[in-house]
């Protein structure tokens, strides 16, 4: 039986992207393969749990939707074993990933959201990275990353593409995100679907 490095398991709503408002249980894994300077996500290890222990906690909350997030879930060993356990229990299972490493169990997920990071463009290697997802969300680190957005759009096939405001120094930088959104839609005016704005609603309404 595998062990998984966990920061927290908790019940909430999905606050961003296509599934905003969906009641879910989050499995926040510990650790990440990147070190984004603006990251505000706590990802230190607090628990080492087996798939059965994780499933018991999921069942306790009663939600039928589960999101694997982090940190970075794809660096966990035996991720497919856990996903299959959740699927066998009747769960809708989604993945949130930076996309650098495509999971071997990709076909098991019901939904995949990829959030590529512009500072680490050189880490996105064609033979390793994820190339297909349900949505792509790019954080507006600056409003000068239009080339990165265009590159990731061509390398990751998705149903929806989003620009997300950067949250740093106690502020959510909406105007910067809107400037970037305007630029990428102007550059890619003939590409459908257009980029949309994804706001982290959970931070606005004050839920974890």
C-alpha atoms as a PDB file:
ATOM      1  CA  UNK A   1       0.000   0.000   0.000  1.00  0.00           C
ATOM      2  CA  UNK A   2       1.388   3.399  -1.006  1.00  0.00           C
ATOM      3  CA  UNK A   3       1.933   6.386   1.265  1.00  0.00           C
ATOM      4  CA  UNK A   4       1.126   9.942   0.176  1.00  0.00           C
ATOM      5  CA  UNK A   5       2.640  13.174   1.445  1.00  0.00           C
ATOM      6  CA  UNK A   6      -0.283  15.411   2.420  1.00  0.00           C
ATOM      7  CA  UNK A   7      -0.551  18.977   3.644  1.00  0.00           C
ATOM      8  CA  UNK A   8      -4.311  19.042   4.191  1.00  0.00           C
ATOM      9  CA  UNK A   9      -7.608  17.420   3.196  1.00  0.00           C
ATOM     10  CA  UNK A  10     -10.607  19.735   3.448  1.00  0.00           C
ATOM     11  CA  UNK A  11     -14.109  20.413   2.137  1.00  0.00           C
ATOM     12  CA  UNK A  12     -14.861  23.635   0.272  1.00  0.00           C
ATOM     13  CA  UNK A  13     -16.011  24.890  -3.143  1.00  0.00           C
ATOM     14  CA  UNK A  14     -13.981  25.204  -6.314  1.00  0.00           C
ATOM     15  CA  UNK A  15     -13.131  28.888  -6.496  1.00  0.00           C
ATOM     16  CA  UNK A  16     -11.681  29.302  -9.985  1.00  0.00           C
ATOM     17  CA  UNK A  17     -11.915  28.114 -13.559  1.00  0.00           C
ATOM     18  CA  UNK A  18     -14.808  26.302 -15.218  1.00  0.00           C
ATOM     19  CA  UNK A  19     -16.103  24.596 -12.060  1.00  0.00           C
ATOM     20  CA  UNK A  20     -16.514  27.631  -9.793  1.00  0.00           C
ATOM     21  CA  UNK A  21     -19.031  26.911  -7.036  1.00  0.00           C
ATOM     22  CA  UNK A  22     -18.786  23.118  -7.247  1.00  0.00           C
ATOM     23  CA  UNK A  23     -18.742  21.500  -3.758  1.00  0.00           C
ATOM     24  CA  UNK A  24     -15.517  19.512  -3.554  1.00  0.00           C
ATOM     25  CA  UNK A  25     -13.076  17.896  -1.181  1.00  0.00           C
ATOM     26  CA  UNK A  26      -9.511  19.036  -1.812  1.00  0.00           C
ATOM     27  CA  UNK A  27      -6.507  16.824  -1.305  1.00  0.00           C
ATOM     28  CA  UNK A  28      -3.626  19.279  -0.994  1.00  0.00           C
ATOM     29  CA  UNK A  29      -0.395  17.374  -1.484  1.00  0.00           C
ATOM     30  CA  UNK A  30       2.854  18.473   0.113  1.00  0.00           C
ATOM     31  CA  UNK A  31       5.855  19.499  -1.936  1.00  0.00           C
ATOM     32  CA  UNK A  32       6.313  20.983  -5.389  1.00  0.00           C
ATOM     33  CA  UNK A  33       8.765  20.709  -8.270  1.00  0.00           C
ATOM     34  CA  UNK A  34       8.779  24.525  -8.662  1.00  0.00           C
ATOM     35  CA  UNK A  35       9.459  27.447  -6.337  1.00  0.00           C
ATOM     36  CA  UNK A  36       7.389  30.347  -7.678  1.00  0.00           C
ATOM     37  CA  UNK A  37       8.432  33.512  -5.858  1.00  0.00           C
ATOM     38  CA  UNK A  38       4.835  34.720  -5.502  1.00  0.00           C
ATOM     39  CA  UNK A  39       3.311  31.399  -4.389  1.00  0.00           C
ATOM     40  CA  UNK A  40       1.092  31.800  -1.313  1.00  0.00           C
ATOM     41  CA  UNK A  41       0.073  28.138  -1.004  1.00  0.00           C
ATOM     42  CA  UNK A  42       1.081  26.246   2.126  1.00  0.00           C
ATOM     43  CA  UNK A  43       2.523  22.897   1.086  1.00  0.00           C
ATOM     44  CA  UNK A  44       4.579  21.622   3.986  1.00  0.00           C
ATOM     45  CA  UNK A  45       4.027  17.986   4.896  1.00  0.00           C
ATOM     46  CA  UNK A  46       1.672  17.433   7.819  1.00  0.00           C
ATOM     47  CA  UNK A  47       0.497  13.866   7.199  1.00  0.00           C
ATOM     48  CA  UNK A  48       1.668  10.655   5.573  1.00  0.00           C
ATOM     49  CA  UNK A  49      -1.465   8.710   4.615  1.00  0.00           C
ATOM     50  CA  UNK A  50      -2.323   5.552   2.694  1.00  0.00           C
ATOM     51  CA  UNK A  51      -4.982   5.562  -0.036  1.00  0.00           C
ATOM     52  CA  UNK A  52      -7.433   3.883   2.356  1.00  0.00           C
ATOM     53  CA  UNK A  53      -6.873   6.560   5.004  1.00  0.00           C
ATOM     54  CA  UNK A  54      -7.359   9.274   2.395  1.00  0.00           C
ATOM     55  CA  UNK A  55     -10.566   7.670   1.130  1.00  0.00           C
ATOM     56  CA  UNK A  56     -11.965   7.481   4.663  1.00  0.00           C
ATOM     57  CA  UNK A  57     -11.414  11.216   5.096  1.00  0.00           C
ATOM     58  CA  UNK A  58     -13.010  11.919   1.711  1.00  0.00           C
ATOM     59  CA  UNK A  59     -16.075   9.849   2.627  1.00  0.00           C
ATOM     60  CA  UNK A  60     -16.364  11.713   5.937  1.00  0.00           C
ATOM     61  CA  UNK A  61     -16.936  15.024   4.139  1.00  0.00           C
ATOM     62  CA  UNK A  62     -19.614  13.556   1.889  1.00  0.00           C
ATOM     63  CA  UNK A  63     -18.745  15.402  -1.346  1.00  0.00           C
ATOM     64  CA  UNK A  64     -18.825  13.382  -4.557  1.00  0.00           C
ATOM     65  CA  UNK A  65     -16.168  15.545  -6.222  1.00  0.00           C
ATOM     66  CA  UNK A  66     -12.477  15.456  -5.316  1.00  0.00           C
ATOM     67  CA  UNK A  67      -9.703  17.768  -6.538  1.00  0.00           C
ATOM     68  CA  UNK A  68      -6.057  16.747  -6.286  1.00  0.00           C
ATOM     69  CA  UNK A  69      -3.997  19.891  -5.859  1.00  0.00           C
ATOM     70  CA  UNK A  70      -0.821  21.037  -4.174  1.00  0.00           C
ATOM     71  CA  UNK A  71       1.934  21.700  -4.142  1.00  0.00           C
ATOM     72  CA  UNK A  72       2.223  19.477  -7.151  1.00  0.00           C
ATOM     73  CA  UNK A  73       0.274  16.186  -7.198  1.00  0.00           C
ATOM     74  CA  UNK A  74       2.209  14.620 -10.095  1.00  0.00           C
ATOM     75  CA  UNK A  75       5.393  14.236  -8.013  1.00  0.00           C
ATOM     76  CA  UNK A  76       3.604  11.759  -5.727  1.00  0.00           C
ATOM     77  CA  UNK A  77       4.499   8.108  -6.240  1.00  0.00           C
ATOM     78  CA  UNK A  78       1.653   5.732  -7.141  1.00  0.00           C
ATOM     79  CA  UNK A  79      -0.758   8.572  -7.880  1.00  0.00           C
ATOM     80  CA  UNK A  80      -2.755   6.293 -10.170  1.00  0.00           C
ATOM     81  CA  UNK A  81      -3.436   3.872  -7.309  1.00  0.00           C
ATOM     82  CA  UNK A  82      -5.086   6.634  -5.302  1.00  0.00           C
ATOM     83  CA  UNK A  83      -7.069   7.969  -8.256  1.00  0.00           C
ATOM     84  CA  UNK A  84      -8.382   4.501  -9.059  1.00  0.00           C
ATOM     85  CA  UNK A  85      -9.420   4.048  -5.415  1.00  0.00           C
ATOM     86  CA  UNK A  86     -11.399   7.289  -5.553  1.00  0.00           C
ATOM     87  CA  UNK A  87     -12.978   6.374  -8.888  1.00  0.00           C
ATOM     88  CA  UNK A  88     -14.002   2.966  -7.562  1.00  0.00           C
ATOM     89  CA  UNK A  89     -15.765   4.786  -4.724  1.00  0.00           C
ATOM     90  CA  UNK A  90     -17.854   6.728  -7.279  1.00  0.00           C
ATOM     91  CA  UNK A  91     -15.959  10.024  -7.086  1.00  0.00           C
ATOM     92  CA  UNK A  92     -15.554  12.651  -9.818  1.00  0.00           C
ATOM     93  CA  UNK A  93     -11.802  13.270  -9.679  1.00  0.00           C
ATOM     94  CA  UNK A  94      -9.977  16.348 -10.969  1.00  0.00           C
ATOM     95  CA  UNK A  95      -6.301  17.300 -11.116  1.00  0.00           C
ATOM     96  CA  UNK A  96      -4.693  20.719 -10.714  1.00  0.00           C
ATOM     97  CA  UNK A  97      -1.107  20.698 -11.988  1.00  0.00           C
ATOM     98  CA  UNK A  98       1.611  22.991 -13.289  1.00  0.00           C
ATOM     99  CA  UNK A  99       1.825  20.693 -16.310  1.00  0.00           C
ATOM    100  CA  UNK A 100       5.573  20.051 -16.296  1.00  0.00           C
ATOM    101  CA  UNK A 101       5.060  16.319 -15.844  1.00  0.00           C
ATOM    102  CA  UNK A 102       2.175  14.472 -17.484  1.00  0.00           C
ATOM    103  CA  UNK A 103       0.826  11.870 -15.027  1.00  0.00           C
ATOM    104  CA  UNK A 104       0.910   8.252 -16.196  1.00  0.00           C
ATOM    105  CA  UNK A 105      -2.693   7.923 -14.966  1.00  0.00           C
ATOM    106  CA  UNK A 106      -3.959  10.918 -16.967  1.00  0.00           C
ATOM    107  CA  UNK A 107      -6.814   8.961 -18.545  1.00  0.00           C
ATOM    108  CA  UNK A 108      -8.336   8.282 -15.107  1.00  0.00           C
ATOM    109  CA  UNK A 109      -9.106  11.919 -14.346  1.00  0.00           C
ATOM    110  CA  UNK A 110     -12.516  13.410 -15.108  1.00  0.00           C
ATOM    111  CA  UNK A 111     -11.086  16.927 -15.345  1.00  0.00           C
ATOM    112  CA  UNK A 112      -7.598  18.401 -15.620  1.00  0.00           C
ATOM    113  CA  UNK A 113      -6.653  22.031 -15.019  1.00  0.00           C
ATOM    114  CA  UNK A 114      -3.133  23.055 -15.988  1.00  0.00           C
ATOM    115  CA  UNK A 115      -1.482  26.216 -14.674  1.00  0.00           C
ATOM    116  CA  UNK A 116       1.821  26.693 -16.557  1.00  0.00           C
ATOM    117  CA  UNK A 117       4.361  29.053 -15.012  1.00  0.00           C
ATOM    118  CA  UNK A 118       6.112  31.506 -17.345  1.00  0.00           C
ATOM    119  CA  UNK A 119       9.262  31.768 -15.197  1.00  0.00           C
ATOM    120  CA  UNK A 120       9.906  28.057 -15.799  1.00  0.00           C
ATOM    121  CA  UNK A 121       9.326  27.894 -19.564  1.00  0.00           C
ATOM    122  CA  UNK A 122      12.559  25.930 -20.073  1.00  0.00           C
ATOM    123  CA  UNK A 123      11.197  23.132 -17.851  1.00  0.00           C
ATOM    124  CA  UNK A 124       8.288  22.434 -20.225  1.00  0.00           C
ATOM    125  CA  UNK A 125       9.795  19.694 -22.377  1.00  0.00           C
ATOM    126  CA  UNK A 126       7.655  18.204 -25.136  1.00  0.00           C
ATOM    127  CA  UNK A 127       8.398  14.601 -24.210  1.00  0.00           C
ATOM    128  CA  UNK A 128       7.458  15.087 -20.550  1.00  0.00           C
ATOM    129  CA  UNK A 129       4.879  17.880 -20.197  1.00  0.00           C
ATOM    130  CA  UNK A 130       1.133  17.531 -20.355  1.00  0.00           C
ATOM    131  CA  UNK A 131      -0.331  18.288 -23.799  1.00  0.00           C
ATOM    132  CA  UNK A 132      -4.081  17.921 -23.271  1.00  0.00           C
ATOM    133  CA  UNK A 133      -6.354  19.249 -20.529  1.00  0.00           C
ATOM    134  CA  UNK A 134      -9.847  20.560 -19.891  1.00  0.00           C
ATOM    135  CA  UNK A 135      -8.626  24.017 -18.980  1.00  0.00           C
ATOM    136  CA  UNK A 136      -5.448  26.077 -18.915  1.00  0.00           C
ATOM    137  CA  UNK A 137      -5.055  28.833 -16.300  1.00  0.00           C
ATOM    138  CA  UNK A 138      -2.106  31.222 -16.554  1.00  0.00           C
ATOM    139  CA  UNK A 139      -1.389  33.624 -13.713  1.00  0.00           C
ATOM    140  CA  UNK A 140      -0.727  37.190 -14.859  1.00  0.00           C
ATOM    141  CA  UNK A 141       2.691  37.458 -13.204  1.00  0.00           C
ATOM    142  CA  UNK A 142       3.184  40.509 -15.442  1.00  0.00           C
ATOM    143  CA  UNK A 143       1.164  41.860 -18.358  1.00  0.00           C
ATOM    144  CA  UNK A 144       4.148  41.204 -20.660  1.00  0.00           C
ATOM    145  CA  UNK A 145       3.820  37.413 -20.921  1.00  0.00           C
ATOM    146  CA  UNK A 146       1.670  37.364 -24.037  1.00  0.00           C
ATOM    147  CA  UNK A 147       4.292  35.271 -25.872  1.00  0.00           C
ATOM    148  CA  UNK A 148       4.173  32.680 -23.087  1.00  0.00           C
ATOM    149  CA  UNK A 149       0.371  32.529 -23.279  1.00  0.00           C
ATOM    150  CA  UNK A 150       0.541  32.064 -27.033  1.00  0.00           C
ATOM    151  CA  UNK A 151       3.172  29.330 -26.671  1.00  0.00           C
ATOM    152  CA  UNK A 152       1.229  27.386 -24.065  1.00  0.00           C
ATOM    153  CA  UNK A 153      -1.956  27.690 -26.090  1.00  0.00           C
ATOM    154  CA  UNK A 154      -0.202  25.993 -29.002  1.00  0.00           C
ATOM    155  CA  UNK A 155       1.337  23.282 -26.801  1.00  0.00           C
ATOM    156  CA  UNK A 156      -1.615  22.391 -24.562  1.00  0.00           C
ATOM    157  CA  UNK A 157      -4.938  21.545 -26.188  1.00  0.00           C
ATOM    158  CA  UNK A 158      -7.835  22.514 -23.908  1.00  0.00           C
ATOM    159  CA  UNK A 159     -11.535  23.341 -23.925  1.00  0.00           C
ATOM    160  CA  UNK A 160     -11.079  26.585 -21.960  1.00  0.00           C
ATOM    161  CA  UNK A 161      -8.234  29.075 -21.478  1.00  0.00           C
ATOM    162  CA  UNK A 162      -8.073  31.506 -18.548  1.00  0.00           C
ATOM    163  CA  UNK A 163      -5.983  34.385 -17.253  1.00  0.00           C
ATOM    164  CA  UNK A 164      -5.843  34.548 -13.442  1.00  0.00           C
ATOM    165  CA  UNK A 165      -4.926  37.630 -11.381  1.00  0.00           C
ATOM    166  CA  UNK A 166      -1.726  37.384  -9.351  1.00  0.00           C
ATOM    167  CA  UNK A 167      -2.260  37.424  -5.582  1.00  0.00           C
ATOM    168  CA  UNK A 168       0.791  38.889  -3.858  1.00  0.00           C
ATOM    169  CA  UNK A 169       1.674  41.305  -1.052  1.00  0.00           C
ATOM    170  CA  UNK A 170      -1.892  41.113   0.222  1.00  0.00           C
ATOM    171  CA  UNK A 171      -3.334  42.332  -3.084  1.00  0.00           C
ATOM    172  CA  UNK A 172      -5.107  40.721  -6.027  1.00  0.00           C
ATOM    173  CA  UNK A 173      -3.827  42.390  -9.207  1.00  0.00           C
ATOM    174  CA  UNK A 174      -7.006  42.534 -11.304  1.00  0.00           C
ATOM    175  CA  UNK A 175      -5.968  45.372 -13.628  1.00  0.00           C
ATOM    176  CA  UNK A 176      -2.776  43.576 -14.641  1.00  0.00           C
ATOM    177  CA  UNK A 177      -4.786  40.436 -15.444  1.00  0.00           C
ATOM    178  CA  UNK A 178      -7.245  42.442 -17.531  1.00  0.00           C
ATOM    179  CA  UNK A 179      -4.409  44.103 -19.473  1.00  0.00           C
ATOM    180  CA  UNK A 180      -2.906  40.716 -20.247  1.00  0.00           C
ATOM    181  CA  UNK A 181      -6.318  39.305 -21.160  1.00  0.00           C
ATOM    182  CA  UNK A 182      -6.878  42.160 -23.615  1.00  0.00           C
ATOM    183  CA  UNK A 183      -3.461  41.650 -25.189  1.00  0.00           C
ATOM    184  CA  UNK A 184      -3.706  37.902 -25.709  1.00  0.00           C
ATOM    185  CA  UNK A 185      -7.214  38.125 -27.159  1.00  0.00           C
ATOM    186  CA  UNK A 186      -6.074  40.857 -29.538  1.00  0.00           C
ATOM    187  CA  UNK A 187      -3.049  38.835 -30.676  1.00  0.00           C
ATOM    188  CA  UNK A 188      -5.082  35.638 -31.015  1.00  0.00           C
ATOM    189  CA  UNK A 189      -8.298  37.230 -32.272  1.00  0.00           C
ATOM    190  CA  UNK A 190      -8.850  34.463 -34.819  1.00  0.00           C
ATOM    191  CA  UNK A 191      -8.407  31.656 -32.265  1.00  0.00           C
ATOM    192  CA  UNK A 192     -11.401  30.133 -30.503  1.00  0.00           C
ATOM    193  CA  UNK A 193     -12.399  29.878 -27.735  1.00  0.00           C
ATOM    194  CA  UNK A 194     -11.152  33.269 -26.502  1.00  0.00           C
ATOM    195  CA  UNK A 195      -9.244  33.648 -23.255  1.00  0.00           C
ATOM    196  CA  UNK A 196     -11.443  34.447 -20.240  1.00  0.00           C
ATOM    197  CA  UNK A 197     -10.828  35.842 -16.770  1.00  0.00           C
ATOM    198  CA  UNK A 198     -10.702  33.409 -13.851  1.00  0.00           C
ATOM    199  CA  UNK A 199     -11.072  35.096 -10.463  1.00  0.00           C
ATOM    200  CA  UNK A 200     -10.320  33.185  -7.275  1.00  0.00           C
ATOM    201  CA  UNK A 201     -13.806  33.539  -5.793  1.00  0.00           C
ATOM    202  CA  UNK A 202     -12.899  31.622  -2.642  1.00  0.00           C
ATOM    203  CA  UNK A 203     -10.479  34.409  -1.694  1.00  0.00           C
ATOM    204  CA  UNK A 204     -13.050  37.110  -2.374  1.00  0.00           C
ATOM    205  CA  UNK A 205     -15.789  35.502  -0.269  1.00  0.00           C
ATOM    206  CA  UNK A 206     -13.348  34.323   2.398  1.00  0.00           C
ATOM    207  CA  UNK A 207     -13.458  30.526   2.259  1.00  0.00           C
ATOM    208  CA  UNK A 208     -10.399  28.302   2.286  1.00  0.00           C
END
